[in-house]
Amino acid sequence: MADGAGPRWLEDFGDAPDRGLVAGEGTVRSLTFVPADATPRLTAMLEDDRHRPGHGRALRLIWLGRRRISGIAAGTRLRFSGMLAHENAMPTVYNPRYEILAKED
């Protein structure tokens, strides 16, 4: 971004813009692995934490060239940032930067 502005923070994944640099936090709801003979790709469905588990809006994170990432599993809380696009009407971030967040007691 030419004006030096940082990513737009997503409080609610339902308010995601059509595209642009975004950041947010959520809980991994599910992971999708591809078969061994397919191009490596790890997909995580991330749910915002503003709603009951299983009822929040979702955002898809896709890491191309990766089959798994140590520490990321269903239930893991993540902070992410990256360029947002929409694939099949689903907000999607490809190859996001991420940080695994500690579980709250």
C-alpha atoms as a PDB file:
ATOM      1  CA  MET A   1       0.000   0.000   0.000  1.00  0.00           C
ATOM      2  CA  ALA A   2       1.493   3.263  -1.093  1.00  0.00           C
ATOM      3  CA  ASP A   3       0.196   5.320   1.829  1.00  0.00           C
ATOM      4  CA  GLY A   4       1.964   3.077   4.368  1.00  0.00           C
ATOM      5  CA  ALA A   5      -1.289   1.951   5.977  1.00  0.00           C
ATOM      6  CA  GLY A   6      -1.228  -1.462   7.611  1.00  0.00           C
ATOM      7  CA  PRO A   7      -3.680  -4.288   7.068  1.00  0.00           C
ATOM      8  CA  ARG A   8      -7.372  -3.788   7.839  1.00  0.00           C
ATOM      9  CA  TRP A   9      -8.210  -5.607  11.084  1.00  0.00           C
ATOM     10  CA  LEU A  10     -11.222  -7.911  10.719  1.00  0.00           C
ATOM     11  CA  GLU A  11     -13.322  -7.888  13.887  1.00  0.00           C
ATOM     12  CA  ASP A  12     -16.009  -9.931  12.132  1.00  0.00           C
ATOM     13  CA  PHE A  13     -15.150 -12.094   9.115  1.00  0.00           C
ATOM     14  CA  GLY A  14     -18.568 -11.262   7.667  1.00  0.00           C
ATOM     15  CA  ASP A  15     -17.376  -7.657   7.208  1.00  0.00           C
ATOM     16  CA  ALA A  16     -14.404  -8.659   5.040  1.00  0.00           C
ATOM     17  CA  PRO A  17     -13.794  -6.383   2.042  1.00  0.00           C
ATOM     18  CA  ASP A  18     -13.807  -7.791  -1.492  1.00  0.00           C
ATOM     19  CA  ARG A  19     -10.006  -7.701  -1.536  1.00  0.00           C
ATOM     20  CA  GLY A  20      -7.048  -6.037   0.122  1.00  0.00           C
ATOM     21  CA  LEU A  21      -4.560  -6.479   2.922  1.00  0.00           C
ATOM     22  CA  VAL A  22      -6.278  -7.827   6.054  1.00  0.00           C
ATOM     23  CA  ALA A  23      -5.426  -9.239   9.476  1.00  0.00           C
ATOM     24  CA  GLY A  24      -7.404 -10.964  12.186  1.00  0.00           C
ATOM     25  CA  GLU A  25      -7.643 -13.730  14.748  1.00  0.00           C
ATOM     26  CA  GLY A  26      -9.714 -16.850  14.963  1.00  0.00           C
ATOM     27  CA  THR A  27      -9.903 -20.524  15.764  1.00  0.00           C
ATOM     28  CA  VAL A  28      -9.193 -23.266  13.249  1.00  0.00           C
ATOM     29  CA  ARG A  29     -12.505 -25.075  12.727  1.00  0.00           C
ATOM     30  CA  SER A  30     -11.225 -27.629  10.229  1.00  0.00           C
ATOM     31  CA  LEU A  31      -8.241 -28.588   8.069  1.00  0.00           C
ATOM     32  CA  THR A  32      -8.331 -30.094   4.594  1.00  0.00           C
ATOM     33  CA  PHE A  33      -5.454 -32.213   3.360  1.00  0.00           C
ATOM     34  CA  VAL A  34      -4.946 -33.187  -0.285  1.00  0.00           C
ATOM     35  CA  PRO A  35      -3.939 -36.664  -1.488  1.00  0.00           C
ATOM     36  CA  ALA A  36      -0.240 -37.459  -1.810  1.00  0.00           C
ATOM     37  CA  ASP A  37      -0.388 -37.393  -5.626  1.00  0.00           C
ATOM     38  CA  ALA A  38      -1.969 -33.885  -5.726  1.00  0.00           C
ATOM     39  CA  THR A  39      -0.169 -30.544  -5.616  1.00  0.00           C
ATOM     40  CA  PRO A  40       0.602 -29.745  -1.940  1.00  0.00           C
ATOM     41  CA  ARG A  41      -1.997 -27.436  -0.402  1.00  0.00           C
ATOM     42  CA  LEU A  42      -3.163 -27.049   3.202  1.00  0.00           C
ATOM     43  CA  THR A  43      -6.534 -25.393   3.790  1.00  0.00           C
ATOM     44  CA  ALA A  44      -7.734 -24.179   7.183  1.00  0.00           C
ATOM     45  CA  MET A  45     -11.221 -22.868   7.880  1.00  0.00           C
ATOM     46  CA  LEU A  46     -10.829 -20.161  10.497  1.00  0.00           C
ATOM     47  CA  GLU A  47     -13.823 -19.091  12.570  1.00  0.00           C
ATOM     48  CA  ASP A  48     -14.067 -15.714  14.254  1.00  0.00           C
ATOM     49  CA  ASP A  49     -14.314 -15.862  18.028  1.00  0.00           C
ATOM     50  CA  ARG A  50     -17.247 -13.464  18.413  1.00  0.00           C
ATOM     51  CA  HIS A  51     -19.808 -16.277  18.287  1.00  0.00           C
ATOM     52  CA  ARG A  52     -20.364 -19.662  19.900  1.00  0.00           C
ATOM     53  CA  PRO A  53     -18.006 -22.346  18.580  1.00  0.00           C
ATOM     54  CA  GLY A  54     -19.378 -23.720  15.324  1.00  0.00           C
ATOM     55  CA  HIS A  55     -21.603 -20.692  14.693  1.00  0.00           C
ATOM     56  CA  GLY A  56     -19.116 -17.978  13.756  1.00  0.00           C
ATOM     57  CA  ARG A  57     -18.383 -16.597  10.323  1.00  0.00           C
ATOM     58  CA  ALA A  58     -15.557 -18.373   8.540  1.00  0.00           C
ATOM     59  CA  LEU A  59     -12.556 -17.338   6.491  1.00  0.00           C
ATOM     60  CA  ARG A  60     -10.374 -19.734   4.500  1.00  0.00           C
ATOM     61  CA  LEU A  61      -6.563 -19.739   4.819  1.00  0.00           C
ATOM     62  CA  ILE A  62      -4.665 -21.648   2.113  1.00  0.00           C
ATOM     63  CA  TRP A  63      -0.968 -22.453   2.182  1.00  0.00           C
ATOM     64  CA  LEU A  64       0.187 -23.516  -1.273  1.00  0.00           C
ATOM     65  CA  GLY A  65       3.110 -25.948  -1.363  1.00  0.00           C
ATOM     66  CA  ARG A  66       2.475 -27.188   2.201  1.00  0.00           C
ATOM     67  CA  ARG A  67       0.916 -30.465   3.287  1.00  0.00           C
ATOM     68  CA  ARG A  68       0.967 -29.698   7.003  1.00  0.00           C
ATOM     69  CA  ILE A  69       2.211 -27.021   9.374  1.00  0.00           C
ATOM     70  CA  SER A  70       3.457 -28.093  12.771  1.00  0.00           C
ATOM     71  CA  GLY A  71       1.245 -26.703  15.536  1.00  0.00           C
ATOM     72  CA  ILE A  72      -1.821 -26.041  13.382  1.00  0.00           C
ATOM     73  CA  ALA A  73      -4.767 -28.341  14.082  1.00  0.00           C
ATOM     74  CA  ALA A  74      -8.498 -28.002  14.669  1.00  0.00           C
ATOM     75  CA  GLY A  75      -8.985 -25.836  17.762  1.00  0.00           C
ATOM     76  CA  THR A  76      -5.727 -23.875  17.319  1.00  0.00           C
ATOM     77  CA  ARG A  77      -6.073 -20.103  17.717  1.00  0.00           C
ATOM     78  CA  LEU A  78      -4.261 -18.111  15.022  1.00  0.00           C
ATOM     79  CA  ARG A  79      -3.484 -14.512  14.223  1.00  0.00           C
ATOM     80  CA  PHE A  80      -3.020 -14.000  10.477  1.00  0.00           C
ATOM     81  CA  SER A  81      -2.397 -11.360   7.847  1.00  0.00           C
ATOM     82  CA  GLY A  82      -2.307 -11.372   4.068  1.00  0.00           C
ATOM     83  CA  MET A  83      -4.039 -10.402   0.843  1.00  0.00           C
ATOM     84  CA  LEU A  84      -7.730 -11.233   0.820  1.00  0.00           C
ATOM     85  CA  ALA A  85      -9.530 -12.579  -2.227  1.00  0.00           C
ATOM     86  CA  HIS A  86     -12.879 -14.319  -2.645  1.00  0.00           C
ATOM     87  CA  GLU A  87     -13.000 -17.866  -4.008  1.00  0.00           C
ATOM     88  CA  ASN A  88     -16.498 -19.290  -4.532  1.00  0.00           C
ATOM     89  CA  ALA A  89     -17.969 -16.469  -2.392  1.00  0.00           C
ATOM     90  CA  MET A  90     -15.682 -17.415   0.536  1.00  0.00           C
ATOM     91  CA  PRO A  91     -13.175 -14.871   1.867  1.00  0.00           C
ATOM     92  CA  THR A  92      -9.767 -16.492   1.294  1.00  0.00           C
ATOM     93  CA  VAL A  93      -6.169 -15.574   2.143  1.00  0.00           C
ATOM     94  CA  TYR A  94      -3.426 -17.416   0.266  1.00  0.00           C
ATOM     95  CA  ASN A  95      -0.082 -18.060   1.986  1.00  0.00           C
ATOM     96  CA  PRO A  96      -0.881 -15.892   5.001  1.00  0.00           C
ATOM     97  CA  ARG A  97       1.593 -14.876   7.631  1.00  0.00           C
ATOM     98  CA  TYR A  98       0.464 -16.462  10.856  1.00  0.00           C
ATOM     99  CA  GLU A  99       1.144 -16.651  14.559  1.00  0.00           C
ATOM    100  CA  ILE A 100      -0.073 -19.490  16.764  1.00  0.00           C
ATOM    101  CA  LEU A 101      -1.674 -17.976  19.872  1.00  0.00           C
ATOM    102  CA  ALA A 102      -1.408 -19.490  23.341  1.00  0.00           C
ATOM    103  CA  LYS A 103      -4.526 -21.165  24.717  1.00  0.00           C
ATOM    104  CA  GLU A 104      -6.347 -19.166  27.357  1.00  0.00           C
ATOM    105  CA  ASP A 105      -6.935 -20.884  30.678  1.00  0.00           C
END
